[in-house]
C-alpha atoms as a PDB file:
ATOM      1  CA  MET A   1      -7.925 215.038  84.340  1.00  0.00           C
ATOM      2  CA  SER A   2      -9.273 210.741  83.561  1.00  0.00           C
ATOM      3  CA  GLN A   3     -12.470 209.791  82.987  1.00  0.00           C
ATOM      4  CA  PRO A   4     -13.836 206.612  84.256  1.00  0.00           C
ATOM      5  CA  SER A   5     -16.027 204.676  80.839  1.00  0.00           C
ATOM      6  CA  SER A   6     -19.180 204.547  79.698  1.00  0.00           C
ATOM      7  CA  ASN A   7     -22.308 204.646  81.586  1.00  0.00           C
ATOM      8  CA  PRO A   8     -26.016 205.062  80.841  1.00  0.00           C
ATOM      9  CA  ASP A   9     -28.120 207.996  81.279  1.00  0.00           C
ATOM     10  CA  ALA A  10     -30.003 207.078  84.007  1.00  0.00           C
ATOM     11  CA  HIS A  11     -30.514 206.971  87.465  1.00  0.00           C
ATOM     12  CA  ALA A  12     -30.535 204.930  90.219  1.00  0.00           C
ATOM     13  CA  GLN A  13     -33.644 202.731  91.600  1.00  0.00           C
ATOM     14  CA  PRO A  14     -34.115 201.614  94.829  1.00  0.00           C
ATOM     15  CA  GLY A  15     -32.244 198.708  95.457  1.00  0.00           C
ATOM     16  CA  ALA A  16     -30.322 199.085  92.683  1.00  0.00           C
ATOM     17  CA  ASP A  17     -25.946 198.469  92.389  1.00  0.00           C
ATOM     18  CA  PRO A  18     -24.972 201.103  95.299  1.00  0.00           C
ATOM     19  CA  LYS A  19     -21.143 200.935  93.398  1.00  0.00           C
ATOM     20  CA  PRO A  20     -22.399 202.458  89.755  1.00  0.00           C
ATOM     21  CA  GLN A  21     -19.729 202.614  87.340  1.00  0.00           C
ATOM     22  CA  GLY A  22     -18.754 205.466  84.080  1.00  0.00           C
ATOM     23  CA  THR A  23     -19.465 208.785  83.392  1.00  0.00           C
ATOM     24  CA  PRO A  24     -22.368 210.863  83.716  1.00  0.00           C
ATOM     25  CA  THR A  25     -24.389 211.808  80.544  1.00  0.00           C
ATOM     26  CA  ALA A  26     -26.027 214.484  80.233  1.00  0.00           C
ATOM     27  CA  PRO A  27     -30.776 214.179  79.359  1.00  0.00           C
ATOM     28  CA  SER A  28     -30.227 213.332  75.908  1.00  0.00           C
ATOM     29  CA  GLY A  29     -33.439 215.552  73.896  1.00  0.00           C
ATOM     30  CA  THR A  30     -33.626 218.791  73.612  1.00  0.00           C
ATOM     31  CA  PRO A  31     -34.973 220.712  76.705  1.00  0.00           C
ATOM     32  CA  ARG A  32     -38.550 220.834  77.556  1.00  0.00           C
ATOM     33  CA  ILE A  33     -38.467 224.626  78.845  1.00  0.00           C
ATOM     34  CA  ARG A  34     -36.372 226.828  76.933  1.00  0.00           C
ATOM     35  CA  PRO A  35     -33.639 229.015  79.034  1.00  0.00           C
ATOM     36  CA  GLY A  36     -35.219 232.535  79.203  1.00  0.00           C
ATOM     37  CA  GLY A  37     -34.076 235.546  78.559  1.00  0.00           C
ATOM     38  CA  PHE A  38     -35.073 239.704  80.901  1.00  0.00           C
ATOM     39  CA  ARG A  39     -39.084 238.936  79.693  1.00  0.00           C
ATOM     40  CA  GLU A  40     -39.729 235.349  81.007  1.00  0.00           C
ATOM     41  CA  LEU A  41     -36.588 235.868  83.820  1.00  0.00           C
ATOM     42  CA  GLY A  42     -37.936 239.287  84.926  1.00  0.00           C
ATOM     43  CA  PRO A  43     -35.042 241.309  86.466  1.00  0.00           C
ATOM     44  CA  PHE A  44     -34.334 239.335  89.591  1.00  0.00           C
ATOM     45  CA  GLY A  45     -33.825 236.075  87.605  1.00  0.00           C
ATOM     46  CA  TRP A  46     -32.092 237.910  84.507  1.00  0.00           C
ATOM     47  CA  PHE A  47     -29.686 239.360  86.420  1.00  0.00           C
ATOM     48  CA  VAL A  48     -27.922 236.079  88.328  1.00  0.00           C
ATOM     49  CA  ASN A  49     -28.191 234.044  85.160  1.00  0.00           C
ATOM     50  CA  ARG A  50     -25.973 236.702  83.357  1.00  0.00           C
ATOM     51  CA  VAL A  51     -23.787 236.902  86.816  1.00  0.00           C
ATOM     52  CA  GLY A  52     -23.350 232.871  86.743  1.00  0.00           C
ATOM     53  CA  ALA A  53     -22.503 233.568  83.377  1.00  0.00           C
ATOM     54  CA  ARG A  54     -20.209 235.960  84.062  1.00  0.00           C
ATOM     55  CA  VAL A  55     -18.167 234.335  86.775  1.00  0.00           C
ATOM     56  CA  THR A  56     -18.691 230.389  85.185  1.00  0.00           C
ATOM     57  CA  SER A  57     -17.214 232.015  82.013  1.00  0.00           C
ATOM     58  CA  LYS A  58     -20.524 231.091  79.595  1.00  0.00           C
ATOM     59  CA  ARG A  59     -22.995 232.018  77.980  1.00  0.00           C
ATOM     60  CA  ASP A  60     -25.395 230.977  79.881  1.00  0.00           C
ATOM     61  CA  VAL A  61     -26.252 229.283  82.585  1.00  0.00           C
ATOM     62  CA  HIS A  62     -29.618 226.227  81.553  1.00  0.00           C
ATOM     63  CA  LEU A  63     -29.560 226.078  85.321  1.00  0.00           C
ATOM     64  CA  PHE A  64     -30.856 229.587  86.641  1.00  0.00           C
ATOM     65  CA  SER A  65     -32.413 230.025  83.022  1.00  0.00           C
ATOM     66  CA  THR A  66     -34.615 227.441  83.652  1.00  0.00           C
ATOM     67  CA  LEU A  67     -35.553 227.754  86.531  1.00  0.00           C
ATOM     68  CA  GLY A  68     -35.836 231.003  86.363  1.00  0.00           C
ATOM     69  CA  HIS A  69     -39.781 231.095  84.766  1.00  0.00           C
ATOM     70  CA  ALA A  70     -41.153 229.955  88.342  1.00  0.00           C
ATOM     71  CA  ARG A  71     -40.168 233.720  89.588  1.00  0.00           C
ATOM     72  CA  ARG A  72     -42.036 233.566  92.700  1.00  0.00           C
ATOM     73  CA  LEU A  73     -40.007 230.293  93.439  1.00  0.00           C
ATOM     74  CA  PHE A  74     -36.285 231.237  92.316  1.00  0.00           C
ATOM     75  CA  PRO A  75     -35.075 233.421  94.558  1.00  0.00           C
ATOM     76  CA  ALA A  76     -36.330 231.214  97.946  1.00  0.00           C
ATOM     77  CA  TRP A  77     -34.531 228.096  96.106  1.00  0.00           C
ATOM     78  CA  LEU A  78     -31.502 230.201  95.386  1.00  0.00           C
ATOM     79  CA  ALA A  79     -30.954 231.709  99.210  1.00  0.00           C
ATOM     80  CA  TYR A  80     -32.055 227.844 100.134  1.00  0.00           C
ATOM     81  CA  SER A  81     -29.263 226.297  97.507  1.00  0.00           C
ATOM     82  CA  GLY A  82     -27.140 229.174  98.739  1.00  0.00           C
ATOM     83  CA  MET A  83     -27.494 227.744 102.254  1.00  0.00           C
ATOM     84  CA  MET A  84     -26.994 224.191 101.172  1.00  0.00           C
ATOM     85  CA  MET A  85     -23.620 225.493  99.294  1.00  0.00           C
ATOM     86  CA  PRO A  86     -20.885 227.700  99.963  1.00  0.00           C
ATOM     87  CA  PHE A  87     -22.759 228.616 102.434  1.00  0.00           C
ATOM     88  CA  GLY A  88     -23.430 225.611 104.052  1.00  0.00           C
ATOM     89  CA  ILE A  89     -22.541 223.937 108.490  1.00  0.00           C
ATOM     90  CA  LEU A  90     -20.329 221.560 106.332  1.00  0.00           C
ATOM     91  CA  ASP A  91     -16.579 222.513 105.205  1.00  0.00           C
ATOM     92  CA  ARG A  92     -16.882 223.117 102.005  1.00  0.00           C
ATOM     93  CA  ARG A  93     -13.816 220.873 100.652  1.00  0.00           C
ATOM     94  CA  THR A  94     -16.952 218.189 102.849  1.00  0.00           C
ATOM     95  CA  THR A  95     -19.441 219.647 100.455  1.00  0.00           C
ATOM     96  CA  GLU A  96     -17.718 219.232  97.457  1.00  0.00           C
ATOM     97  CA  LEU A  97     -16.673 216.120  97.881  1.00  0.00           C
ATOM     98  CA  VAL A  98     -20.462 214.678  98.706  1.00  0.00           C
ATOM     99  CA  ILE A  99     -21.740 216.642  95.335  1.00  0.00           C
ATOM    100  CA  LEU A 100     -19.689 215.106  93.159  1.00  0.00           C
ATOM    101  CA  ARG A 101     -19.880 211.887  94.600  1.00  0.00           C
ATOM    102  CA  ILE A 102     -23.604 212.657  93.826  1.00  0.00           C
ATOM    103  CA  ALA A 103     -23.487 213.539  90.575  1.00  0.00           C
ATOM    104  CA  PHE A 104     -21.730 211.003  89.443  1.00  0.00           C
ATOM    105  CA  VAL A 105     -24.009 208.492  91.347  1.00  0.00           C
ATOM    106  CA  ARG A 106     -26.948 210.141  89.760  1.00  0.00           C
ATOM    107  CA  GLY A 107     -25.950 210.570  85.951  1.00  0.00           C
ATOM    108  CA  SER A 108     -25.807 213.874  85.885  1.00  0.00           C
ATOM    109  CA  ALA A 109     -23.311 215.272  83.871  1.00  0.00           C
ATOM    110  CA  TYR A 110     -24.655 219.331  84.365  1.00  0.00           C
ATOM    111  CA  GLU A 111     -24.605 218.973  88.206  1.00  0.00           C
ATOM    112  CA  ARG A 112     -21.184 217.095  87.782  1.00  0.00           C
ATOM    113  CA  ALA A 113     -19.365 219.470  85.116  1.00  0.00           C
ATOM    114  CA  HIS A 114     -20.223 222.335  87.451  1.00  0.00           C
ATOM    115  CA  HIS A 115     -18.920 221.183  91.266  1.00  0.00           C
ATOM    116  CA  GLU A 116     -15.628 219.309  89.219  1.00  0.00           C
ATOM    117  CA  ARG A 117     -14.923 223.265  88.506  1.00  0.00           C
ATOM    118  CA  ILE A 118     -15.928 224.869  92.102  1.00  0.00           C
ATOM    119  CA  GLY A 119     -14.375 222.003  93.590  1.00  0.00           C
ATOM    120  CA  ALA A 120     -11.036 222.379  92.498  1.00  0.00           C
ATOM    121  CA  SER A 121     -11.843 226.366  93.287  1.00  0.00           C
ATOM    122  CA  VAL A 122     -11.831 225.002  97.143  1.00  0.00           C
ATOM    123  CA  GLY A 123      -8.394 222.892  96.678  1.00  0.00           C
ATOM    124  CA  LEU A 124      -9.181 219.856  95.511  1.00  0.00           C
ATOM    125  CA  ASP A 125      -7.572 218.526  93.119  1.00  0.00           C
ATOM    126  CA  ASP A 126      -7.794 216.102  90.616  1.00  0.00           C
ATOM    127  CA  ASP A 127      -7.332 212.672  92.588  1.00  0.00           C
ATOM    128  CA  ASP A 128     -10.208 213.602  95.408  1.00  0.00           C
ATOM    129  CA  ILE A 129     -12.055 214.620  91.829  1.00  0.00           C
ATOM    130  CA  VAL A 130     -12.084 211.635  90.157  1.00  0.00           C
ATOM    131  CA  ARG A 131     -12.106 209.702  93.795  1.00  0.00           C
ATOM    132  CA  THR A 132     -15.530 210.531  94.133  1.00  0.00           C
ATOM    133  CA  THR A 133     -16.118 208.198  91.157  1.00  0.00           C
ATOM    134  CA  GLU A 134     -15.470 204.547  92.916  1.00  0.00           C
ATOM    135  CA  ASP A 135     -16.975 203.094  95.291  1.00  0.00           C
ATOM    136  CA  PRO A 136     -16.122 204.877  98.758  1.00  0.00           C
ATOM    137  CA  ALA A 137     -16.029 201.866 101.038  1.00  0.00           C
ATOM    138  CA  THR A 138     -12.950 200.697  99.491  1.00  0.00           C
ATOM    139  CA  ALA A 139     -11.715 204.180  98.017  1.00  0.00           C
ATOM    140  CA  GLU A 140      -8.802 205.754  99.875  1.00  0.00           C
ATOM    141  CA  TRP A 141     -10.661 208.487 101.568  1.00  0.00           C
ATOM    142  CA  THR A 142     -10.419 209.012 105.844  1.00  0.00           C
ATOM    143  CA  PRO A 143     -12.471 207.344 108.421  1.00  0.00           C
ATOM    144  CA  ARG A 144     -15.025 210.664 108.222  1.00  0.00           C
ATOM    145  CA  LEU A 145     -15.298 210.672 104.104  1.00  0.00           C
ATOM    146  CA  ARG A 146     -15.292 207.712 103.624  1.00  0.00           C
ATOM    147  CA  ALA A 147     -17.852 207.993 106.251  1.00  0.00           C
ATOM    148  CA  VAL A 148     -19.627 210.558 105.105  1.00  0.00           C
ATOM    149  CA  LEU A 149     -20.082 209.538 101.457  1.00  0.00           C
ATOM    150  CA  THR A 150     -20.625 205.977 101.795  1.00  0.00           C
ATOM    151  CA  ALA A 151     -23.694 207.391 103.577  1.00  0.00           C
ATOM    152  CA  VAL A 152     -24.405 209.335  99.763  1.00  0.00           C
ATOM    153  CA  ASP A 153     -24.188 206.731  98.494  1.00  0.00           C
ATOM    154  CA  GLU A 154     -27.226 204.774 100.499  1.00  0.00           C
ATOM    155  CA  LEU A 155     -29.597 207.627 100.856  1.00  0.00           C
ATOM    156  CA  VAL A 156     -29.249 208.287  97.281  1.00  0.00           C
ATOM    157  CA  GLN A 157     -30.409 204.691  95.853  1.00  0.00           C
ATOM    158  CA  THR A 158     -32.933 204.284  99.291  1.00  0.00           C
ATOM    159  CA  LYS A 159     -34.048 207.191 100.303  1.00  0.00           C
ATOM    160  CA  ASP A 160     -32.514 206.361 103.775  1.00  0.00           C
ATOM    161  CA  LEU A 161     -29.622 205.361 106.573  1.00  0.00           C
ATOM    162  CA  ALA A 162     -30.113 201.899 108.064  1.00  0.00           C
ATOM    163  CA  ASP A 163     -29.524 202.798 111.907  1.00  0.00           C
ATOM    164  CA  ASP A 164     -25.575 201.806 111.584  1.00  0.00           C
ATOM    165  CA  THR A 165     -24.793 203.801 109.348  1.00  0.00           C
ATOM    166  CA  TRP A 166     -25.800 206.502 111.204  1.00  0.00           C
ATOM    167  CA  SER A 167     -23.824 205.099 113.269  1.00  0.00           C
ATOM    168  CA  THR A 168     -20.864 205.746 112.517  1.00  0.00           C
ATOM    169  CA  LEU A 169     -22.059 208.996 110.663  1.00  0.00           C
ATOM    170  CA  ALA A 170     -22.739 209.910 114.088  1.00  0.00           C
ATOM    171  CA  SER A 171     -18.824 209.037 115.725  1.00  0.00           C
ATOM    172  CA  HIS A 172     -17.749 211.312 112.783  1.00  0.00           C
ATOM    173  CA  LEU A 173     -20.413 214.224 112.310  1.00  0.00           C
ATOM    174  CA  ASN A 174     -21.898 216.621 115.293  1.00  0.00           C
ATOM    175  CA  GLN A 175     -26.065 216.820 115.456  1.00  0.00           C
ATOM    176  CA  SER A 176     -25.723 219.870 112.759  1.00  0.00           C
ATOM    177  CA  GLU A 177     -23.143 218.405 110.717  1.00  0.00           C
ATOM    178  CA  LEU A 178     -25.942 215.257 110.590  1.00  0.00           C
ATOM    179  CA  ILE A 179     -28.763 217.299 109.382  1.00  0.00           C
ATOM    180  CA  ALA A 180     -26.683 219.365 107.211  1.00  0.00           C
ATOM    181  CA  LEU A 181     -25.532 216.542 105.744  1.00  0.00           C
ATOM    182  CA  VAL A 182     -28.990 214.999 105.112  1.00  0.00           C
ATOM    183  CA  GLN A 183     -30.199 218.556 103.642  1.00  0.00           C
ATOM    184  CA  LEU A 184     -27.014 218.665 101.075  1.00  0.00           C
ATOM    185  CA  ILE A 185     -27.639 214.959  99.804  1.00  0.00           C
ATOM    186  CA  ALA A 186     -31.453 214.986  99.580  1.00  0.00           C
ATOM    187  CA  GLN A 187     -31.270 218.894  97.930  1.00  0.00           C
ATOM    188  CA  TYR A 188     -28.994 217.449  95.545  1.00  0.00           C
ATOM    189  CA  ASP A 189     -29.853 214.559  94.307  1.00  0.00           C
ATOM    190  CA  GLY A 190     -33.557 217.023  94.160  1.00  0.00           C
ATOM    191  CA  LEU A 191     -31.019 218.570  91.407  1.00  0.00           C
ATOM    192  CA  ALA A 192     -30.185 216.377  88.843  1.00  0.00           C
ATOM    193  CA  THR A 193     -33.783 215.320  89.565  1.00  0.00           C
ATOM    194  CA  SER A 194     -34.779 218.569  87.889  1.00  0.00           C
ATOM    195  CA  LEU A 195     -31.304 218.492  85.710  1.00  0.00           C
ATOM    196  CA  HIS A 196     -32.395 215.441  83.903  1.00  0.00           C
ATOM    197  CA  VAL A 197     -37.170 215.222  84.137  1.00  0.00           C
ATOM    198  CA  LEU A 198     -36.607 219.581  82.069  1.00  0.00           C
ATOM    199  CA  ARG A 199     -33.712 218.380  80.288  1.00  0.00           C
ATOM    200  CA  ILE A 200     -30.980 221.246  80.955  1.00  0.00           C
ATOM    201  CA  GLN A 201     -28.857 221.184  78.477  1.00  0.00           C
ATOM    202  CA  PRO A 202     -24.623 221.781  79.237  1.00  0.00           C
ATOM    203  CA  ASP A 203     -23.943 225.175  79.507  1.00  0.00           C
ATOM    204  CA  VAL A 204     -21.737 226.737  76.208  1.00  0.00           C
ATOM    205  CA  PRO A 205     -18.824 228.564  77.087  1.00  0.00           C
ATOM    206  CA  ARG A 206     -18.253 231.847  76.049  1.00  0.00           C
END
């Protein structure tokens, strides 16, 4: 799969150029919280991490083994995340395109790597995945996907959607889907923040 050119490891700021160019990069430095084992994660967190590692053919899912330190929070976060993906209101293809675009805009290599794999598993081809690195306004998307991915850029960049952006979205999505899209963007934008601030490093293959 072809890859875009270089990009600084920094998330976008409000008012910044909404058409970023480049490849997401891993956070620099060492993890601020070391991935935990059974003692740190407890039975539930440890089990979820081991299942995730087996499914993804990794030694450890660093996202799980880091967030799992917060034992009371982790199960609730996992359940909510599951209702965004894979059990969300939006169809799986749209969901994965949204997440891939967020990961690109935010420069989140971790998020991007996981969802390139997941996206391929739900039917995205290489061209679809690479196209999420292009400006949605000019990339070859259907009108519906163009509206959705343009909204991704605007919401991540400005933390709001203009009335005309909302009106365009509403011509393609019903009310339930509109709410789901806003929640999905907020969820994965927030996850990109957690990955960056905690300096969570890429998972290592077995």
